[in-house]
Protein backbone atom coordinates (compact mmCIF):
# COMPACT_ATOMS: atom_id res chain seq x y z
CA MET A 1 46.46 -12.50 61.03
CA SER A 2 48.18 -13.12 64.33
CA ALA A 3 47.69 -12.18 67.93
CA TYR A 4 49.10 -12.86 71.36
CA ARG A 5 48.36 -11.60 74.82
CA SER A 6 50.12 -11.41 78.13
CA ASP A 7 48.83 -9.69 81.25
CA ALA A 8 47.39 -6.30 80.25
CA HIS A 9 49.05 -6.66 76.85
CA VAL A 10 47.27 -7.28 73.55
CA LYS A 11 49.07 -7.38 70.21
CA LEU A 12 47.27 -7.83 66.88
CA SER A 13 48.11 -7.81 63.21
CA PHE A 14 45.23 -7.83 60.73
CA ALA A 15 43.86 -6.45 57.48
CA LEU A 16 40.63 -4.51 57.55
CA GLU A 17 37.97 -5.67 55.13
CA ARG A 18 36.30 -3.04 52.99
CA ASP A 19 32.73 -4.02 53.90
CA GLU A 20 33.24 -4.05 57.67
CA LEU A 21 35.05 -0.73 57.50
CA LEU A 22 32.30 0.90 55.45
CA ARG A 23 29.63 -0.49 57.78
CA ALA A 24 31.40 1.14 60.73
CA VAL A 25 31.70 4.48 58.91
CA ARG A 26 28.06 4.40 57.83
CA SER A 27 26.86 3.51 61.32
CA GLN A 28 28.61 6.61 62.68
CA SER A 29 27.10 8.72 59.87
CA ARG A 30 23.64 7.46 60.84
CA ARG A 31 24.27 8.39 64.47
CA VAL A 32 25.12 11.95 63.43
CA MET A 33 22.02 12.09 61.23
CA LEU A 34 19.63 10.82 63.90
CA ARG A 35 21.07 12.70 66.89
CA MET A 36 21.99 16.05 65.35
CA VAL A 37 20.91 16.68 61.77
CA VAL A 38 17.38 15.26 61.71
CA PRO A 39 16.06 17.16 64.80
CA VAL A 40 17.47 20.47 63.52
CA LEU A 41 16.17 19.83 60.01
CA VAL A 42 12.68 19.03 61.28
CA ALA A 43 12.61 22.13 63.49
CA VAL A 44 13.85 24.49 60.77
CA LEU A 45 11.60 23.17 58.02
CA GLY A 46 8.66 23.06 60.40
CA ALA A 47 9.13 26.72 61.31
CA VAL A 48 9.53 27.82 57.67
CA SER A 49 6.50 25.80 56.58
CA ALA A 50 4.38 27.22 59.42
CA LEU A 51 5.25 30.78 58.39
CA MET A 52 4.29 30.04 54.79
CA LEU A 53 0.96 28.55 55.79
CA VAL A 54 0.23 31.66 57.86
CA ARG A 55 1.24 34.13 55.14
CA LEU A 56 -0.18 32.29 52.09
CA PRO A 57 -3.49 30.60 51.23
CA LEU A 58 -3.66 26.95 52.23
CA VAL A 59 -2.98 25.19 48.90
CA PRO A 60 -0.24 27.56 47.67
CA GLY A 61 1.27 27.47 51.14
CA LEU A 62 1.39 23.68 51.14
CA LEU A 63 2.94 23.59 47.66
CA ALA A 64 5.52 26.23 48.60
CA SER A 65 6.38 24.33 51.79
CA ALA A 66 6.84 21.12 49.81
CA VAL A 67 9.20 22.85 47.38
CA VAL A 68 11.30 24.37 50.17
CA CYS A 69 11.49 21.08 52.09
CA SER A 70 12.52 19.16 48.97
CA ILE A 71 15.31 21.60 48.10
CA VAL A 72 16.72 21.78 51.63
CA VAL A 73 16.55 18.00 52.19
CA ALA A 74 18.30 17.42 48.84
CA PHE A 75 21.05 19.86 49.89
CA VAL A 76 21.55 18.12 53.25
CA VAL A 77 21.61 14.62 51.72
CA LYS A 78 24.15 15.68 49.09
CA SER A 79 26.44 17.44 51.56
CA LEU A 80 26.36 14.58 54.06
CA GLY A 81 26.91 12.06 51.28
CA GLY A 82 30.06 13.88 50.23
CA ASN A 83 31.29 13.97 53.82
CA ARG A 84 30.68 10.23 54.21
CA ARG A 85 32.57 9.42 51.00
CA LEU A 86 35.51 11.46 52.29
CA LEU A 87 35.50 9.47 55.54
CA GLU A 88 35.31 6.21 53.61
CA ARG A 89 38.29 7.11 51.41
CA ARG A 90 40.34 8.20 54.40
CA ALA A 91 39.47 5.05 56.33
CA LEU A 92 40.36 2.79 53.41
CA ASP A 93 43.90 4.21 53.41
CA LEU A 94 44.50 2.22 56.62
CA ALA A 95 43.71 -1.23 55.26
CA SER A 96 46.59 -3.02 57.04
CA ILE A 97 46.78 -2.49 60.79
CA HIS A 98 49.25 -3.46 63.51
CA LEU A 99 48.01 -2.75 67.03
CA GLU A 100 49.59 -3.14 70.43
CA ALA A 101 47.76 -2.21 73.63
CA THR A 102 49.47 -2.09 77.01
CA GLU A 103 48.77 -0.43 80.33
CA GLU A 104 50.80 2.59 79.20
CA ALA A 105 49.55 3.33 75.70
CA LEU A 106 47.96 2.22 72.46
CA ASP A 107 50.29 1.73 69.48
CA ILE A 108 48.55 1.70 66.07
CA ARG A 109 50.37 1.39 62.76
CA GLY A 110 48.93 1.25 59.26
CA GLY A 111 51.09 0.88 56.17
CA GLU A 112 54.20 3.01 56.73
CA SER A 113 52.58 5.37 59.21
CA GLY A 114 52.02 4.82 62.87
CA LYS A 115 51.42 6.50 66.17
CA ARG A 116 51.68 5.80 69.86
CA ILE A 117 48.59 7.16 71.58
CA ALA A 118 48.48 7.78 75.31
CA TRP A 119 45.27 6.42 76.81
CA SER A 120 44.43 9.92 78.02
CA LEU A 121 44.12 10.98 74.36
CA VAL A 122 41.52 8.33 73.54
CA LEU A 123 38.27 10.28 73.87
CA GLY A 124 36.01 7.26 74.06
CA TRP A 125 35.21 3.83 72.72
CA ARG A 126 32.19 1.86 71.62
CA GLU A 127 31.73 -1.88 71.24
CA THR A 128 29.60 -3.30 68.43
CA ASP A 129 28.79 -6.84 67.33
CA GLU A 130 31.70 -6.72 64.89
CA GLY A 131 34.38 -4.94 66.88
CA PHE A 132 35.60 -1.95 68.87
CA LEU A 133 35.57 1.68 67.73
CA LEU A 134 38.25 3.84 69.36
CA PHE A 135 37.63 7.58 68.99
CA VAL A 136 40.61 9.93 68.88
CA ASP A 137 38.70 13.06 67.83
CA THR A 138 35.18 14.12 66.84
CA SER A 139 35.37 12.70 63.31
CA ARG A 140 37.95 9.89 63.35
CA PHE A 141 38.02 6.45 64.89
CA HIS A 142 40.09 3.28 64.72
CA LEU A 143 38.24 0.03 64.05
CA VAL A 144 39.47 -3.13 65.77
CA PRO A 145 37.41 -6.10 64.47
CA LYS A 146 36.69 -8.94 66.86
CA ARG A 147 37.69 -11.47 64.21
CA ALA A 148 41.29 -10.24 64.68
CA PHE A 149 41.40 -11.70 68.20
CA PRO A 150 42.36 -15.36 68.69
CA GLY A 151 39.52 -16.00 71.12
CA PRO A 152 37.08 -14.66 73.74
CA GLU A 153 39.80 -14.29 76.39
CA SER A 154 41.82 -11.82 74.33
CA ILE A 155 38.64 -9.86 73.52
CA THR A 156 37.90 -9.67 77.24
CA ALA A 157 41.47 -8.54 77.97
CA PHE A 158 41.23 -5.75 75.39
CA ARG A 159 37.82 -4.69 76.70
CA ARG A 160 39.20 -4.52 80.24
CA LEU A 161 42.10 -2.39 79.06
CA LEU A 162 39.63 0.03 77.51
CA GLU A 163 37.47 0.07 80.63
CA ASP A 164 40.47 0.64 82.91
CA ARG A 165 42.52 3.11 80.86
CA VAL A 166 40.02 5.25 78.91
CA VAL A 167 38.55 8.03 81.03
CA PRO A 168 34.86 7.30 81.84
CA GLY A 169 32.29 9.59 80.28
CA GLY A 170 34.39 10.17 77.20
CA LEU A 171 31.61 9.31 74.77
CA ALA A 172 29.26 11.84 76.35
CA LYS A 173 31.91 14.57 76.03
CA LEU A 174 32.58 13.44 72.47
CA GLU A 175 28.91 13.77 71.55
CA ALA A 176 28.86 17.26 73.07
CA GLU A 177 31.93 18.26 71.05
CA ARG A 178 30.31 16.89 67.91
CA GLY A 179 27.24 18.97 68.62
CA ARG A 180 29.34 22.12 68.85
CA ALA A 181 31.21 21.17 65.68
CA TRP A 182 27.90 20.96 63.82
CA LEU A 183 26.75 24.45 64.85
CA PRO A 184 28.12 26.16 61.69
CA TYR A 185 26.43 23.53 59.53
CA THR A 186 23.19 24.00 61.45
CA PHE A 187 23.37 27.75 60.93
CA ALA A 188 24.03 27.26 57.20
CA VAL A 189 21.02 24.94 56.80
CA THR A 190 18.81 27.39 58.69
CA LEU A 191 19.97 30.30 56.55
CA ILE A 192 19.44 28.35 53.32
CA ALA A 193 15.95 27.29 54.40
CA VAL A 194 14.99 30.88 55.25
CA LEU A 195 16.38 32.29 51.99
CA ILE A 196 14.74 29.64 49.83
CA GLY A 197 11.51 30.01 51.76
CA THR A 198 11.52 33.78 51.24
CA LEU A 199 12.20 33.37 47.51
CA VAL A 200 9.54 30.71 46.99
CA GLU A 201 7.00 32.68 49.01
CA ALA A 202 7.65 35.79 46.89
CA LEU A 203 7.26 33.82 43.66
CA VAL A 204 4.02 32.19 44.83
CA ALA A 205 2.65 35.56 45.95
CA VAL A 206 3.32 36.97 42.47
CA VAL A 207 1.66 34.01 40.73
CA ILE A 208 -1.49 34.07 42.83
């Protein structure tokens, strides 16, 4: 691992560790869950359960609601788990990173692939205890661990580059784009909950 810095110039060479990379991926998955999926899931299941309790006797309605909630939650957990594993596999393909940041652009290379990214194309960034996350679209980010820097001064220089060159408010726009990207998934979960609820309600009505 090596690094050097001149004015407004940071150059790093490092290998990403599996655990730190997976922690970063999982932290972003949790953000999606808490900000987008959980509120929608609670609202949809709450509405379906309320309809069942109105249309069925109390005990059968509660049992039917529990069945529907269990099935839908299991579907969501499985689908999100598969999406997270895909992100983890894609992230692990970039285990060796060479990064150079200047006033003009950000140059990131991993393995035999590489790209020069204009600062205007970096949608946003977030700093954590372990490093910096640089977002280039709604689902991908580059992780730059703080352990790759030779000292606090180079970390400060890189942070100032991000503050100066990345357009302010990018994270807010990124979250909005993520919300729109999740609309089809939200519609699918709603449709599944309604269909399963209708089926379970019909079965319970026949039994009682």
